[in-house]
């Protein structure tokens, strides 16, 4: 999709300004994905994996029992798909939860201590 060479072979590859996108769903809303979108997912996956791996090494463990998602990211991501994409380590789905504004809660705890 980067150079648009597939655009002549598939109607799903469309020009989007100076780049190309791939149509995932026609209709309303029309959903497309670009190389920039793919790269953003790759960077997020790498950052989450590196952070998780570092924390696990510091705790001398090779598995996690529970995962808490914080902030807007955690409120909207589906844990099952986060695992499928490799964003988070495998864990029982019922042990994954969103905790909302954890930074605000942590700051409040620190101030009240």
C-alpha atoms as a PDB file:
ATOM      1  CA  UNK A   1       0.000   0.000   0.000  1.00  0.00           C
ATOM      2  CA  UNK A   2       2.991   2.308   0.511  1.00  0.00           C
ATOM      3  CA  UNK A   3       3.502   3.163  -3.161  1.00  0.00           C
ATOM      4  CA  UNK A   4       0.027   2.332  -4.429  1.00  0.00           C
ATOM      5  CA  UNK A   5       1.162  -0.415  -6.801  1.00  0.00           C
ATOM      6  CA  UNK A   6      -1.704  -2.597  -5.564  1.00  0.00           C
ATOM      7  CA  UNK A   7      -4.294   0.066  -6.393  1.00  0.00           C
ATOM      8  CA  UNK A   8      -4.659  -1.284  -9.923  1.00  0.00           C
ATOM      9  CA  UNK A   9      -5.324  -4.794  -8.600  1.00  0.00           C
ATOM     10  CA  UNK A  10      -7.724  -4.046  -5.751  1.00  0.00           C
ATOM     11  CA  UNK A  11     -10.503  -1.483  -5.434  1.00  0.00           C
ATOM     12  CA  UNK A  12      -9.856  -1.507  -1.673  1.00  0.00           C
ATOM     13  CA  UNK A  13      -6.560   0.367  -2.143  1.00  0.00           C
ATOM     14  CA  UNK A  14      -7.396   4.039  -2.613  1.00  0.00           C
ATOM     15  CA  UNK A  15      -5.448   7.274  -2.908  1.00  0.00           C
ATOM     16  CA  UNK A  16      -5.515   9.438   0.232  1.00  0.00           C
ATOM     17  CA  UNK A  17      -3.654  12.643  -0.514  1.00  0.00           C
ATOM     18  CA  UNK A  18       0.012  11.786  -1.091  1.00  0.00           C
ATOM     19  CA  UNK A  19      -0.347   8.259   0.260  1.00  0.00           C
ATOM     20  CA  UNK A  20      -2.713   5.312  -0.024  1.00  0.00           C
ATOM     21  CA  UNK A  21      -5.152   3.635   2.302  1.00  0.00           C
ATOM     22  CA  UNK A  22      -6.807   0.243   2.485  1.00  0.00           C
ATOM     23  CA  UNK A  23     -10.590   0.139   2.868  1.00  0.00           C
ATOM     24  CA  UNK A  24     -11.556  -2.177   5.705  1.00  0.00           C
ATOM     25  CA  UNK A  25     -15.292  -1.383   5.547  1.00  0.00           C
ATOM     26  CA  UNK A  26     -17.393   0.403   2.962  1.00  0.00           C
ATOM     27  CA  UNK A  27     -20.540   2.277   3.920  1.00  0.00           C
ATOM     28  CA  UNK A  28     -21.160   4.598   6.824  1.00  0.00           C
ATOM     29  CA  UNK A  29     -18.820   5.026   8.458  1.00  0.00           C
ATOM     30  CA  UNK A  30     -16.182   4.089   5.916  1.00  0.00           C
ATOM     31  CA  UNK A  31     -13.201   2.593   7.728  1.00  0.00           C
ATOM     32  CA  UNK A  32      -9.722   2.731   6.208  1.00  0.00           C
ATOM     33  CA  UNK A  33      -6.212   2.038   7.430  1.00  0.00           C
ATOM     34  CA  UNK A  34      -2.995   3.690   6.282  1.00  0.00           C
ATOM     35  CA  UNK A  35       0.684   2.887   6.624  1.00  0.00           C
ATOM     36  CA  UNK A  36       0.807   5.558   9.339  1.00  0.00           C
ATOM     37  CA  UNK A  37      -1.897   3.689  11.274  1.00  0.00           C
ATOM     38  CA  UNK A  38       0.010   0.407  10.988  1.00  0.00           C
ATOM     39  CA  UNK A  39       3.207   2.100  12.151  1.00  0.00           C
ATOM     40  CA  UNK A  40       1.422   3.637  15.159  1.00  0.00           C
ATOM     41  CA  UNK A  41       0.177   0.184  16.198  1.00  0.00           C
ATOM     42  CA  UNK A  42       3.686  -1.243  15.780  1.00  0.00           C
ATOM     43  CA  UNK A  43       5.188   1.514  17.946  1.00  0.00           C
ATOM     44  CA  UNK A  44       2.520   1.101  20.629  1.00  0.00           C
ATOM     45  CA  UNK A  45       3.052  -2.643  20.677  1.00  0.00           C
ATOM     46  CA  UNK A  46       6.831  -2.232  20.978  1.00  0.00           C
ATOM     47  CA  UNK A  47       6.511   0.308  23.798  1.00  0.00           C
ATOM     48  CA  UNK A  48       4.003  -1.756  25.777  1.00  0.00           C
ATOM     49  CA  UNK A  49       5.994  -4.955  25.258  1.00  0.00           C
ATOM     50  CA  UNK A  50       9.266  -3.336  26.331  1.00  0.00           C
ATOM     51  CA  UNK A  51       7.692  -1.763  29.413  1.00  0.00           C
ATOM     52  CA  UNK A  52       5.963  -4.977  30.426  1.00  0.00           C
ATOM     53  CA  UNK A  53       9.092  -7.057  29.844  1.00  0.00           C
ATOM     54  CA  UNK A  54      11.192  -4.647  31.914  1.00  0.00           C
ATOM     55  CA  UNK A  55       8.714  -4.699  34.814  1.00  0.00           C
ATOM     56  CA  UNK A  56       8.495  -8.489  34.697  1.00  0.00           C
ATOM     57  CA  UNK A  57      12.293  -8.806  34.748  1.00  0.00           C
ATOM     58  CA  UNK A  58      12.519  -6.404  37.705  1.00  0.00           C
ATOM     59  CA  UNK A  59       9.971  -8.543  39.570  1.00  0.00           C
ATOM     60  CA  UNK A  60      11.714 -11.803  38.563  1.00  0.00           C
ATOM     61  CA  UNK A  61       8.559 -13.267  37.057  1.00  0.00           C
ATOM     62  CA  UNK A  62       7.655 -14.802  33.716  1.00  0.00           C
ATOM     63  CA  UNK A  63       3.872 -14.366  33.883  1.00  0.00           C
ATOM     64  CA  UNK A  64       1.302 -11.844  35.060  1.00  0.00           C
ATOM     65  CA  UNK A  65      -1.761 -12.590  37.165  1.00  0.00           C
ATOM     66  CA  UNK A  66      -3.657  -9.347  36.618  1.00  0.00           C
ATOM     67  CA  UNK A  67      -3.568  -6.405  34.203  1.00  0.00           C
ATOM     68  CA  UNK A  68      -5.016  -2.937  34.865  1.00  0.00           C
ATOM     69  CA  UNK A  69      -5.483  -0.508  31.964  1.00  0.00           C
ATOM     70  CA  UNK A  70      -5.293   3.178  32.878  1.00  0.00           C
ATOM     71  CA  UNK A  71      -6.601   6.345  31.238  1.00  0.00           C
ATOM     72  CA  UNK A  72      -8.518   6.709  27.996  1.00  0.00           C
ATOM     73  CA  UNK A  73      -6.475   3.934  26.387  1.00  0.00           C
ATOM     74  CA  UNK A  74      -7.590   1.469  29.023  1.00  0.00           C
ATOM     75  CA  UNK A  75     -11.201   2.534  28.906  1.00  0.00           C
ATOM     76  CA  UNK A  76     -11.680   1.759  25.235  1.00  0.00           C
ATOM     77  CA  UNK A  77      -9.364  -1.097  24.284  1.00  0.00           C
ATOM     78  CA  UNK A  78     -10.785  -4.620  24.151  1.00  0.00           C
ATOM     79  CA  UNK A  79      -8.520  -6.860  26.280  1.00  0.00           C
ATOM     80  CA  UNK A  80      -9.007  -9.855  23.984  1.00  0.00           C
ATOM     81  CA  UNK A  81      -7.773  -7.951  20.943  1.00  0.00           C
ATOM     82  CA  UNK A  82      -4.952  -6.368  22.945  1.00  0.00           C
ATOM     83  CA  UNK A  83      -3.723  -9.902  23.654  1.00  0.00           C
ATOM     84  CA  UNK A  84      -4.218 -11.021  20.048  1.00  0.00           C
ATOM     85  CA  UNK A  85      -2.108  -8.079  18.837  1.00  0.00           C
ATOM     86  CA  UNK A  86       0.534  -8.795  21.475  1.00  0.00           C
ATOM     87  CA  UNK A  87       0.043  -5.456  23.221  1.00  0.00           C
ATOM     88  CA  UNK A  88      -0.249  -7.171  26.592  1.00  0.00           C
ATOM     89  CA  UNK A  89       0.932 -10.543  27.901  1.00  0.00           C
ATOM     90  CA  UNK A  90      -1.460 -13.480  27.984  1.00  0.00           C
ATOM     91  CA  UNK A  91      -3.604 -13.479  31.099  1.00  0.00           C
ATOM     92  CA  UNK A  92      -7.112 -14.653  32.029  1.00  0.00           C
ATOM     93  CA  UNK A  93      -9.498 -12.167  30.400  1.00  0.00           C
ATOM     94  CA  UNK A  94     -11.481 -11.851  33.622  1.00  0.00           C
ATOM     95  CA  UNK A  95      -8.275 -10.606  35.301  1.00  0.00           C
ATOM     96  CA  UNK A  96      -7.965  -7.620  32.924  1.00  0.00           C
ATOM     97  CA  UNK A  97      -9.735  -4.403  33.934  1.00  0.00           C
ATOM     98  CA  UNK A  98      -9.857  -0.675  33.244  1.00  0.00           C
ATOM     99  CA  UNK A  99      -9.054   1.540  36.245  1.00  0.00           C
ATOM    100  CA  UNK A 100      -9.810   4.970  34.780  1.00  0.00           C
ATOM    101  CA  UNK A 101      -7.630   7.935  35.696  1.00  0.00           C
ATOM    102  CA  UNK A 102      -4.940   6.075  37.642  1.00  0.00           C
ATOM    103  CA  UNK A 103      -2.519   9.022  37.439  1.00  0.00           C
ATOM    104  CA  UNK A 104      -5.012  11.288  39.177  1.00  0.00           C
ATOM    105  CA  UNK A 105      -5.766   8.645  41.809  1.00  0.00           C
ATOM    106  CA  UNK A 106      -2.041   8.073  42.400  1.00  0.00           C
ATOM    107  CA  UNK A 107      -1.373  11.800  42.776  1.00  0.00           C
ATOM    108  CA  UNK A 108      -4.252  12.090  45.246  1.00  0.00           C
ATOM    109  CA  UNK A 109      -2.882   9.156  47.273  1.00  0.00           C
ATOM    110  CA  UNK A 110       0.608  10.712  47.331  1.00  0.00           C
ATOM    111  CA  UNK A 111      -0.751  14.084  48.467  1.00  0.00           C
ATOM    112  CA  UNK A 112      -2.837  12.542  51.229  1.00  0.00           C
ATOM    113  CA  UNK A 113      -0.019  10.356  52.547  1.00  0.00           C
END
